[in-house]
Amino acid sequence: MTTKSETPGVEVPETPEERKARLAREKDEKALRQTRDEKHRADAPTLKRLREATRVFFDLHWDAAKMGGEPPEWQGPALVQKGPVPNYDKQGCYAFVSEDGIVTYVGLGVSRGGGIYRARGISARLNTYTRYVDGDYQPVDTRLKAASGRACTIGFEIKDAYLACALEAYLIRELKPVFNANRPAS
C-alpha cells in the first residue's frame, strides 16, 4: 500500500511500522464487526447458554458424591485489566463476553505454575492478553478487545482441573464462539 507524499502525484510506500499499525487496526475493526454480527444469530452463544451448557456438561461428568461436592460455577464477567479476575488462583476455563452478553471466545488456563503461583493457570493465561501501558493494563489481543476487556472464569480445584480441558472442548463445540476457529467435531 502507498501513501500520498507532499509532492502532488507522487506516492510513497508505507513504512513497515505504518503497515503493521494499519494491519492491526484492520484486524481489530474486523473483530468488532464479527462480534456485533454474533448477537443476530438465532443460536448466539450468550452467557446464559454458556452457563446452561456447563450445567449439561457437569450433569454428564460430575458425580457430587464422588467428587466431594458440587461443581464449580462461572464467575463474572469482570474486566481483565482491572485487578484479579475471579478464580485467578485456580486452573480452569475462561470466556470472553461482549458488553451485550455474547460469548466470543472460550479458552483454557491450566498451567501448573510453581512456588507461590502454583495452579494459577487462569491468571497466567489471561495475563497474556494484556500489557501494562502508562500505569494501567490494556487489552492487546483482538479477541479481548472485541469483548471490551470482559471475561468470565470457572475455576477448578487442582485435583479436578483435568475436567477443564474437556469442558473447554465441549463448550466450543456447543456454542461455536466466533473467535474459536478450531472447533471440535460435532
Foldseek 3Di string as FASTA:
>chain_A
DWDDDPDPPDTHRDDPVVVVVVVLVVLLVVLLVLLVVQVPDPLFAFPVVLQVLVVVVCVVPPDCVVVVHDFWGKDDFDQLFPDQAPQQLAWAKKFQAAPVGGTQDIGGFADQDDDPSGHRRVNVVSVVQWDQDPNTTDGDDSSCVSRVRIMITTGDDNVPNVVRVVSRLSCCQSNVHNPPPDHDDD
